[in-house]
Amino acid sequence: MTILKDLFYSNIDLNIGSFDKDSEYGKAMQTIADNEEKLLVLLNGTEKGLFLDFTNAQSSLNNVTAEENFIHGFRLGALIMIEVMGSPKLGM
């Protein structure tokens, strides 16, 4: 199969959900989770609601940013391929 067919038939998982807990990413995620848990214990009803609204909005923003970065990177890669395929063959 080609990569385009794999994408079409959803044979490629673009949202890989696992990561190494000891990686920089994993450590940062653990710090966020630990601090969120500590803050939720300290906050009252209204404050807790505001904090949860804040974290949900930040999560949504992160998702939108990741999507836009993925699309931008894919388009940039396609433009590079167009340029490569359109340039004269060197030494061949």
PDB file of N, CA and C in Angstrom:
ATOM      1  N   MET A   1       0.838  -1.186   0.000  1.00  0.00           N
ATOM      2  CA  MET A   1       0.000   0.000   0.000  1.00  0.00           C
ATOM      3  C   MET A   1       0.884   1.252   0.000  1.00  0.00           C
ATOM      4  N   THR A   2       0.341   2.345  -0.506  1.00  0.00           N
ATOM      5  CA  THR A   2       1.049   3.617  -0.467  1.00  0.00           C
ATOM      6  C   THR A   2       0.669   4.375   0.792  1.00  0.00           C
ATOM      7  N   ILE A   3       1.440   5.376   1.129  1.00  0.00           N
ATOM      8  CA  ILE A   3       1.130   6.167   2.326  1.00  0.00           C
ATOM      9  C   ILE A   3      -0.207   6.878   2.177  1.00  0.00           C
ATOM     10  N   LEU A   4      -0.548   7.311   0.955  1.00  0.00           N
ATOM     11  CA  LEU A   4      -1.836   7.968   0.741  1.00  0.00           C
ATOM     12  C   LEU A   4      -2.988   6.998   0.964  1.00  0.00           C
ATOM     13  N   LYS A   5      -2.838   5.753   0.512  1.00  0.00           N
ATOM     14  CA  LYS A   5      -3.875   4.755   0.765  1.00  0.00           C
ATOM     15  C   LYS A   5      -3.960   4.429   2.251  1.00  0.00           C
ATOM     16  N   ASP A   6      -2.809   4.336   2.905  1.00  0.00           N
ATOM     17  CA  ASP A   6      -2.807   4.088   4.350  1.00  0.00           C
ATOM     18  C   ASP A   6      -3.521   5.216   5.096  1.00  0.00           C
ATOM     19  N   LEU A   7      -3.277   6.449   4.692  1.00  0.00           N
ATOM     20  CA  LEU A   7      -3.980   7.584   5.307  1.00  0.00           C
ATOM     21  C   LEU A   7      -5.481   7.495   5.044  1.00  0.00           C
ATOM     22  N   PHE A   8      -5.849   7.180   3.798  1.00  0.00           N
ATOM     23  CA  PHE A   8      -7.261   7.090   3.431  1.00  0.00           C
ATOM     24  C   PHE A   8      -7.975   6.019   4.246  1.00  0.00           C
ATOM     25  N   TYR A   9      -7.351   4.862   4.397  1.00  0.00           N
ATOM     26  CA  TYR A   9      -7.975   3.751   5.110  1.00  0.00           C
ATOM     27  C   TYR A   9      -7.699   3.767   6.616  1.00  0.00           C
ATOM     28  N   SER A  10      -7.178   4.873   7.098  1.00  0.00           N
ATOM     29  CA  SER A  10      -6.908   5.063   8.538  1.00  0.00           C
ATOM     30  C   SER A  10      -5.966   4.015   9.103  1.00  0.00           C
ATOM     31  N   ASN A  11      -5.007   3.573   8.296  1.00  0.00           N
ATOM     32  CA  ASN A  11      -4.014   2.612   8.772  1.00  0.00           C
ATOM     33  C   ASN A  11      -2.845   3.294   9.475  1.00  0.00           C
ATOM     34  N   ILE A  12      -2.843   4.595   9.459  1.00  0.00           N
ATOM     35  CA  ILE A  12      -1.793   5.362  10.129  1.00  0.00           C
ATOM     36  C   ILE A  12      -2.431   6.133  11.265  1.00  0.00           C
ATOM     37  N   ASP A  13      -1.942   5.910  12.463  1.00  0.00           N
ATOM     38  CA  ASP A  13      -2.465   6.615  13.632  1.00  0.00           C
ATOM     39  C   ASP A  13      -1.637   7.867  13.852  1.00  0.00           C
ATOM     40  N   LEU A  14      -2.231   9.017  13.555  1.00  0.00           N
ATOM     41  CA  LEU A  14      -1.523  10.283  13.702  1.00  0.00           C
ATOM     42  C   LEU A  14      -1.581  10.808  15.134  1.00  0.00           C
ATOM     43  N   ASN A  15      -2.414  10.211  15.946  1.00  0.00           N
ATOM     44  CA  ASN A  15      -2.569  10.655  17.330  1.00  0.00           C
ATOM     45  C   ASN A  15      -2.045   9.578  18.276  1.00  0.00           C
ATOM     46  N   ILE A  16      -0.770   9.338  18.204  1.00  0.00           N
ATOM     47  CA  ILE A  16      -0.167   8.326  19.064  1.00  0.00           C
ATOM     48  C   ILE A  16      -0.267   8.806  20.507  1.00  0.00           C
ATOM     49  N   GLY A  17      -0.867   7.989  21.364  1.00  0.00           N
ATOM     50  CA  GLY A  17      -1.165   8.430  22.709  1.00  0.00           C
ATOM     51  C   GLY A  17      -0.160   8.017  23.762  1.00  0.00           C
ATOM     52  N   SER A  18       0.846   7.250  23.423  1.00  0.00           N
ATOM     53  CA  SER A  18       1.780   6.818  24.450  1.00  0.00           C
ATOM     54  C   SER A  18       3.085   7.600  24.353  1.00  0.00           C
ATOM     55  N   PHE A  19       3.742   7.715  25.485  1.00  0.00           N
ATOM     56  CA  PHE A  19       5.029   8.392  25.552  1.00  0.00           C
ATOM     57  C   PHE A  19       5.804   7.846  26.735  1.00  0.00           C
ATOM     58  N   ASP A  20       7.089   8.047  26.720  1.00  0.00           N
ATOM     59  CA  ASP A  20       7.972   7.584  27.783  1.00  0.00           C
ATOM     60  C   ASP A  20       7.815   8.505  28.992  1.00  0.00           C
ATOM     61  N   LYS A  21       7.430   7.928  30.126  1.00  0.00           N
ATOM     62  CA  LYS A  21       7.231   8.729  31.340  1.00  0.00           C
ATOM     63  C   LYS A  21       8.506   9.422  31.803  1.00  0.00           C
ATOM     64  N   ASP A  22       9.660   8.873  31.446  1.00  0.00           N
ATOM     65  CA  ASP A  22      10.927   9.466  31.864  1.00  0.00           C
ATOM     66  C   ASP A  22      11.461  10.492  30.864  1.00  0.00           C
ATOM     67  N   SER A  23      10.748  10.706  29.767  1.00  0.00           N
ATOM     68  CA  SER A  23      11.174  11.704  28.782  1.00  0.00           C
ATOM     69  C   SER A  23      10.883  13.105  29.320  1.00  0.00           C
ATOM     70  N   GLU A  24      11.428  14.092  28.650  1.00  0.00           N
ATOM     71  CA  GLU A  24      11.176  15.488  29.038  1.00  0.00           C
ATOM     72  C   GLU A  24       9.676  15.783  28.989  1.00  0.00           C
ATOM     73  N   TYR A  25       9.025  15.271  27.949  1.00  0.00           N
ATOM     74  CA  TYR A  25       7.580  15.445  27.800  1.00  0.00           C
ATOM     75  C   TYR A  25       6.829  14.778  28.956  1.00  0.00           C
ATOM     76  N   GLY A  26       7.201  13.541  29.265  1.00  0.00           N
ATOM     77  CA  GLY A  26       6.550  12.817  30.347  1.00  0.00           C
ATOM     78  C   GLY A  26       6.714  13.491  31.694  1.00  0.00           C
ATOM     79  N   LYS A  27       7.910  14.009  31.951  1.00  0.00           N
ATOM     80  CA  LYS A  27       8.160  14.706  33.218  1.00  0.00           C
ATOM     81  C   LYS A  27       7.344  15.990  33.306  1.00  0.00           C
ATOM     82  N   ALA A  28       7.250  16.717  32.192  1.00  0.00           N
ATOM     83  CA  ALA A  28       6.453  17.948  32.181  1.00  0.00           C
ATOM     84  C   ALA A  28       4.973  17.629  32.409  1.00  0.00           C
ATOM     85  N   MET A  29       4.478  16.563  31.774  1.00  0.00           N
ATOM     86  CA  MET A  29       3.090  16.163  31.970  1.00  0.00           C
ATOM     87  C   MET A  29       2.820  15.785  33.428  1.00  0.00           C
ATOM     88  N   GLN A  30       3.765  15.090  34.041  1.00  0.00           N
ATOM     89  CA  GLN A  30       3.595  14.694  35.442  1.00  0.00           C
ATOM     90  C   GLN A  30       3.583  15.919  36.346  1.00  0.00           C
ATOM     91  N   THR A  31       4.435  16.888  36.080  1.00  0.00           N
ATOM     92  CA  THR A  31       4.464  18.131  36.862  1.00  0.00           C
ATOM     93  C   THR A  31       3.131  18.858  36.755  1.00  0.00           C
ATOM     94  N   ILE A  32       2.592  18.936  35.543  1.00  0.00           N
ATOM     95  CA  ILE A  32       1.291  19.587  35.348  1.00  0.00           C
ATOM     96  C   ILE A  32       0.208  18.852  36.134  1.00  0.00           C
ATOM     97  N   ALA A  33       0.174  17.534  36.025  1.00  0.00           N
ATOM     98  CA  ALA A  33      -0.846  16.745  36.719  1.00  0.00           C
ATOM     99  C   ALA A  33      -0.731  16.896  38.236  1.00  0.00           C
ATOM    100  N   ASP A  34       0.498  16.851  38.757  1.00  0.00           N
ATOM    101  CA  ASP A  34       0.711  16.992  40.205  1.00  0.00           C
ATOM    102  C   ASP A  34       0.259  18.362  40.691  1.00  0.00           C
ATOM    103  N   ASN A  35       0.637  19.411  39.956  1.00  0.00           N
ATOM    104  CA  ASN A  35       0.278  20.763  40.378  1.00  0.00           C
ATOM    105  C   ASN A  35      -1.216  21.025  40.238  1.00  0.00           C
ATOM    106  N   GLU A  36      -1.833  20.476  39.206  1.00  0.00           N
ATOM    107  CA  GLU A  36      -3.276  20.636  39.054  1.00  0.00           C
ATOM    108  C   GLU A  36      -4.001  19.988  40.234  1.00  0.00           C
ATOM    109  N   GLU A  37      -3.565  18.801  40.608  1.00  0.00           N
ATOM    110  CA  GLU A  37      -4.178  18.105  41.748  1.00  0.00           C
ATOM    111  C   GLU A  37      -4.034  18.924  43.033  1.00  0.00           C
ATOM    112  N   LYS A  38      -2.849  19.478  43.278  1.00  0.00           N
ATOM    113  CA  LYS A  38      -2.607  20.289  44.475  1.00  0.00           C
ATOM    114  C   LYS A  38      -3.456  21.559  44.471  1.00  0.00           C
ATOM    115  N   LEU A  39      -3.548  22.215  43.313  1.00  0.00           N
ATOM    116  CA  LEU A  39      -4.346  23.437  43.230  1.00  0.00           C
ATOM    117  C   LEU A  39      -5.830  23.169  43.445  1.00  0.00           C
ATOM    118  N   LEU A  40      -6.344  22.084  42.899  1.00  0.00           N
ATOM    119  CA  LEU A  40      -7.762  21.773  43.056  1.00  0.00           C
ATOM    120  C   LEU A  40      -8.131  21.537  44.512  1.00  0.00           C
ATOM    121  N   VAL A  41      -7.210  21.017  45.297  1.00  0.00           N
ATOM    122  CA  VAL A  41      -7.453  20.812  46.729  1.00  0.00           C
ATOM    123  C   VAL A  41      -7.521  22.157  47.458  1.00  0.00           C
ATOM    124  N   LEU A  42      -6.714  23.115  47.021  1.00  0.00           N
ATOM    125  CA  LEU A  42      -6.634  24.415  47.689  1.00  0.00           C
ATOM    126  C   LEU A  42      -7.751  25.378  47.304  1.00  0.00           C
ATOM    127  N   LEU A  43      -8.351  25.194  46.140  1.00  0.00           N
ATOM    128  CA  LEU A  43      -9.322  26.155  45.629  1.00  0.00           C
ATOM    129  C   LEU A  43     -10.738  25.843  46.085  1.00  0.00           C
ATOM    130  N   ASN A  44     -11.538  26.917  46.222  1.00  0.00           N
ATOM    131  CA  ASN A  44     -12.950  26.792  46.579  1.00  0.00           C
ATOM    132  C   ASN A  44     -13.797  26.670  45.324  1.00  0.00           C
ATOM    133  N   GLY A  45     -15.105  26.614  45.479  1.00  0.00           N
ATOM    134  CA  GLY A  45     -16.035  26.399  44.377  1.00  0.00           C
ATOM    135  C   GLY A  45     -15.825  27.310  43.175  1.00  0.00           C
ATOM    136  N   THR A  46     -15.954  28.633  43.373  1.00  0.00           N
ATOM    137  CA  THR A  46     -15.812  29.575  42.263  1.00  0.00           C
ATOM    138  C   THR A  46     -14.399  29.565  41.710  1.00  0.00           C
ATOM    139  N   GLU A  47     -13.417  29.554  42.600  1.00  0.00           N
ATOM    140  CA  GLU A  47     -12.018  29.547  42.169  1.00  0.00           C
ATOM    141  C   GLU A  47     -11.695  28.256  41.416  1.00  0.00           C
ATOM    142  N   LYS A  48     -12.225  27.145  41.927  1.00  0.00           N
ATOM    143  CA  LYS A  48     -11.997  25.854  41.278  1.00  0.00           C
ATOM    144  C   LYS A  48     -12.612  25.857  39.879  1.00  0.00           C
ATOM    145  N   GLY A  49     -13.819  26.417  39.752  1.00  0.00           N
ATOM    146  CA  GLY A  49     -14.480  26.509  38.455  1.00  0.00           C
ATOM    147  C   GLY A  49     -13.684  27.363  37.475  1.00  0.00           C
ATOM    148  N   LEU A  50     -13.164  28.489  37.948  1.00  0.00           N
ATOM    149  CA  LEU A  50     -12.335  29.348  37.101  1.00  0.00           C
ATOM    150  C   LEU A  50     -11.072  28.624  36.656  1.00  0.00           C
ATOM    151  N   PHE A  51     -10.454  27.913  37.577  1.00  0.00           N
ATOM    152  CA  PHE A  51      -9.229  27.182  37.236  1.00  0.00           C
ATOM    153  C   PHE A  51      -9.517  26.089  36.205  1.00  0.00           C
ATOM    154  N   LEU A  52     -10.612  25.357  36.396  1.00  0.00           N
ATOM    155  CA  LEU A  52     -10.970  24.308  35.443  1.00  0.00           C
ATOM    156  C   LEU A  52     -11.314  24.900  34.077  1.00  0.00           C
ATOM    157  N   ASP A  53     -12.001  26.054  34.061  1.00  0.00           N
ATOM    158  CA  ASP A  53     -12.277  26.735  32.794  1.00  0.00           C
ATOM    159  C   ASP A  53     -10.968  27.131  32.109  1.00  0.00           C
ATOM    160  N   PHE A  54     -10.029  27.627  32.901  1.00  0.00           N
ATOM    161  CA  PHE A  54      -8.717  28.020  32.383  1.00  0.00           C
ATOM    162  C   PHE A  54      -7.986  26.813  31.782  1.00  0.00           C
ATOM    163  N   THR A  55      -7.939  25.710  32.517  1.00  0.00           N
ATOM    164  CA  THR A  55      -7.211  24.538  32.014  1.00  0.00           C
ATOM    165  C   THR A  55      -7.893  23.946  30.779  1.00  0.00           C
ATOM    166  N   ASN A  56      -9.223  23.978  30.740  1.00  0.00           N
ATOM    167  CA  ASN A  56      -9.940  23.482  29.559  1.00  0.00           C
ATOM    168  C   ASN A  56      -9.679  24.366  28.339  1.00  0.00           C
ATOM    169  N   ALA A  57      -9.663  25.688  28.540  1.00  0.00           N
ATOM    170  CA  ALA A  57      -9.371  26.609  27.441  1.00  0.00           C
ATOM    171  C   ALA A  57      -7.938  26.421  26.956  1.00  0.00           C
ATOM    172  N   GLN A  58      -7.003  26.225  27.881  1.00  0.00           N
ATOM    173  CA  GLN A  58      -5.608  25.999  27.503  1.00  0.00           C
ATOM    174  C   GLN A  58      -5.467  24.699  26.714  1.00  0.00           C
ATOM    175  N   SER A  59      -6.187  23.685  27.125  1.00  0.00           N
ATOM    176  CA  SER A  59      -6.163  22.408  26.412  1.00  0.00           C
ATOM    177  C   SER A  59      -6.717  22.572  24.996  1.00  0.00           C
ATOM    178  N   SER A  60      -7.805  23.304  24.853  1.00  0.00           N
ATOM    179  CA  SER A  60      -8.379  23.562  23.532  1.00  0.00           C
ATOM    180  C   SER A  60      -7.403  24.329  22.655  1.00  0.00           C
ATOM    181  N   LEU A  61      -6.762  25.329  23.232  1.00  0.00           N
ATOM    182  CA  LEU A  61      -5.768  26.107  22.489  1.00  0.00           C
ATOM    183  C   LEU A  61      -4.602  25.229  22.050  1.00  0.00           C
ATOM    184  N   ASN A  62      -4.146  24.350  22.924  1.00  0.00           N
ATOM    185  CA  ASN A  62      -3.065  23.426  22.573  1.00  0.00           C
ATOM    186  C   ASN A  62      -3.464  22.525  21.408  1.00  0.00           C
ATOM    187  N   ASN A  63      -4.709  22.047  21.411  1.00  0.00           N
ATOM    188  CA  ASN A  63      -5.189  21.186  20.326  1.00  0.00           C
ATOM    189  C   ASN A  63      -5.238  21.936  19.001  1.00  0.00           C
ATOM    190  N   VAL A  64      -5.750  23.172  19.030  1.00  0.00           N
ATOM    191  CA  VAL A  64      -5.820  23.981  17.813  1.00  0.00           C
ATOM    192  C   VAL A  64      -4.413  24.268  17.295  1.00  0.00           C
ATOM    193  N   THR A  65      -3.496  24.608  18.192  1.00  0.00           N
ATOM    194  CA  THR A  65      -2.116  24.892  17.799  1.00  0.00           C
ATOM    195  C   THR A  65      -1.454  23.659  17.194  1.00  0.00           C
ATOM    196  N   ALA A  66      -1.646  22.506  17.813  1.00  0.00           N
ATOM    197  CA  ALA A  66      -1.064  21.270  17.287  1.00  0.00           C
ATOM    198  C   ALA A  66      -1.609  20.971  15.896  1.00  0.00           C
ATOM    199  N   GLU A  67      -2.909  21.146  15.704  1.00  0.00           N
ATOM    200  CA  GLU A  67      -3.526  20.903  14.399  1.00  0.00           C
ATOM    201  C   GLU A  67      -2.962  21.859  13.344  1.00  0.00           C
ATOM    202  N   GLU A  68      -2.876  23.144  13.684  1.00  0.00           N
ATOM    203  CA  GLU A  68      -2.352  24.129  12.736  1.00  0.00           C
ATOM    204  C   GLU A  68      -0.885  23.855  12.408  1.00  0.00           C
ATOM    205  N   ASN A  69      -0.103  23.475  13.397  1.00  0.00           N
ATOM    206  CA  ASN A  69       1.310  23.160  13.155  1.00  0.00           C
ATOM    207  C   ASN A  69       1.458  21.925  12.273  1.00  0.00           C
ATOM    208  N   PHE A  70       0.611  20.919  12.486  1.00  0.00           N
ATOM    209  CA  PHE A  70       0.637  19.717  11.657  1.00  0.00           C
ATOM    210  C   PHE A  70       0.331  20.065  10.207  1.00  0.00           C
ATOM    211  N   ILE A  71      -0.727  20.835  10.002  1.00  0.00           N
ATOM    212  CA  ILE A  71      -1.121  21.214   8.647  1.00  0.00           C
ATOM    213  C   ILE A  71      -0.025  22.050   7.989  1.00  0.00           C
ATOM    214  N   HIS A  72       0.524  23.001   8.713  1.00  0.00           N
ATOM    215  CA  HIS A  72       1.604  23.837   8.179  1.00  0.00           C
ATOM    216  C   HIS A  72       2.808  22.978   7.791  1.00  0.00           C
ATOM    217  N   GLY A  73       3.197  22.052   8.643  1.00  0.00           N
ATOM    218  CA  GLY A  73       4.327  21.176   8.354  1.00  0.00           C
ATOM    219  C   GLY A  73       4.069  20.293   7.154  1.00  0.00           C
ATOM    220  N   PHE A  74       2.859  19.779   7.042  1.00  0.00           N
ATOM    221  CA  PHE A  74       2.497  18.929   5.904  1.00  0.00           C
ATOM    222  C   PHE A  74       2.554  19.732   4.613  1.00  0.00           C
ATOM    223  N   ARG A  75       2.006  20.945   4.643  1.00  0.00           N
ATOM    224  CA  ARG A  75       2.031  21.802   3.455  1.00  0.00           C
ATOM    225  C   ARG A  75       3.460  22.176   3.082  1.00  0.00           C
ATOM    226  N   LEU A  76       4.276  22.492   4.072  1.00  0.00           N
ATOM    227  CA  LEU A  76       5.668  22.829   3.798  1.00  0.00           C
ATOM    228  C   LEU A  76       6.388  21.643   3.159  1.00  0.00           C
ATOM    229  N   GLY A  77       6.156  20.452   3.680  1.00  0.00           N
ATOM    230  CA  GLY A  77       6.752  19.248   3.105  1.00  0.00           C
ATOM    231  C   GLY A  77       6.308  19.039   1.666  1.00  0.00           C
ATOM    232  N   ALA A  78       5.024  19.280   1.390  1.00  0.00           N
ATOM    233  CA  ALA A  78       4.518  19.134   0.024  1.00  0.00           C
ATOM    234  C   ALA A  78       5.158  20.158  -0.902  1.00  0.00           C
ATOM    235  N   LEU A  79       5.313  21.386  -0.434  1.00  0.00           N
ATOM    236  CA  LEU A  79       5.969  22.414  -1.250  1.00  0.00           C
ATOM    237  C   LEU A  79       7.424  22.059  -1.539  1.00  0.00           C
ATOM    238  N   ILE A  80       8.094  21.491  -0.552  1.00  0.00           N
ATOM    239  CA  ILE A  80       9.477  21.056  -0.765  1.00  0.00           C
ATOM    240  C   ILE A  80       9.518  19.977  -1.845  1.00  0.00           C
ATOM    241  N   MET A  81       8.592  19.025  -1.775  1.00  0.00           N
ATOM    242  CA  MET A  81       8.562  17.950  -2.771  1.00  0.00           C
ATOM    243  C   MET A  81       8.255  18.503  -4.159  1.00  0.00           C
ATOM    244  N   ILE A  82       7.346  19.457  -4.246  1.00  0.00           N
ATOM    245  CA  ILE A  82       7.032  20.070  -5.546  1.00  0.00           C
ATOM    246  C   ILE A  82       8.278  20.729  -6.118  1.00  0.00           C
ATOM    247  N   GLU A  83       9.002  21.458  -5.266  1.00  0.00           N
ATOM    248  CA  GLU A  83      10.210  22.114  -5.739  1.00  0.00           C
ATOM    249  C   GLU A  83      11.262  21.084  -6.166  1.00  0.00           C
ATOM    250  N   VAL A  84      11.445  20.035  -5.380  1.00  0.00           N
ATOM    251  CA  VAL A  84      12.420  19.002  -5.697  1.00  0.00           C
ATOM    252  C   VAL A  84      12.051  18.302  -7.005  1.00  0.00           C
ATOM    253  N   MET A  85      10.810  17.954  -7.164  1.00  0.00           N
ATOM    254  CA  MET A  85      10.380  17.233  -8.361  1.00  0.00           C
ATOM    255  C   MET A  85      10.406  18.133  -9.594  1.00  0.00           C
ATOM    256  N   GLY A  86      10.286  19.437  -9.422  1.00  0.00           N
ATOM    257  CA  GLY A  86      10.274  20.350 -10.550  1.00  0.00           C
ATOM    258  C   GLY A  86      11.640  20.846 -10.950  1.00  0.00           C
ATOM    259  N   SER A  87      12.646  20.603 -10.114  1.00  0.00           N
ATOM    260  CA  SER A  87      13.986  21.101 -10.451  1.00  0.00           C
ATOM    261  C   SER A  87      14.667  20.146 -11.429  1.00  0.00           C
ATOM    262  N   PRO A  88      15.562  20.683 -12.252  1.00  0.00           N
ATOM    263  CA  PRO A  88      16.271  19.811 -13.199  1.00  0.00           C
ATOM    264  C   PRO A  88      17.130  18.785 -12.472  1.00  0.00           C
ATOM    265  N   LYS A  89      17.265  17.633 -13.064  1.00  0.00           N
ATOM    266  CA  LYS A  89      18.064  16.561 -12.472  1.00  0.00           C
ATOM    267  C   LYS A  89      19.537  16.949 -12.537  1.00  0.00           C
ATOM    268  N   LEU A  90      20.220  16.865 -11.412  1.00  0.00           N
ATOM    269  CA  LEU A  90      21.628  17.228 -11.338  1.00  0.00           C
ATOM    270  C   LEU A  90      22.495  15.995 -11.557  1.00  0.00           C
ATOM    271  N   GLY A  91      23.375  16.063 -12.541  1.00  0.00           N
ATOM    272  CA  GLY A  91      24.340  14.999 -12.758  1.00  0.00           C
ATOM    273  C   GLY A  91      23.747  13.664 -13.165  1.00  0.00           C
ATOM    274  N   MET A  92      22.536  13.655 -13.665  1.00  0.00           N
ATOM    275  CA  MET A  92      21.914  12.383 -14.049  1.00  0.00           C
ATOM    276  C   MET A  92      21.556  12.391 -15.497  1.00  0.00           C
TER     277      MET A  92
END
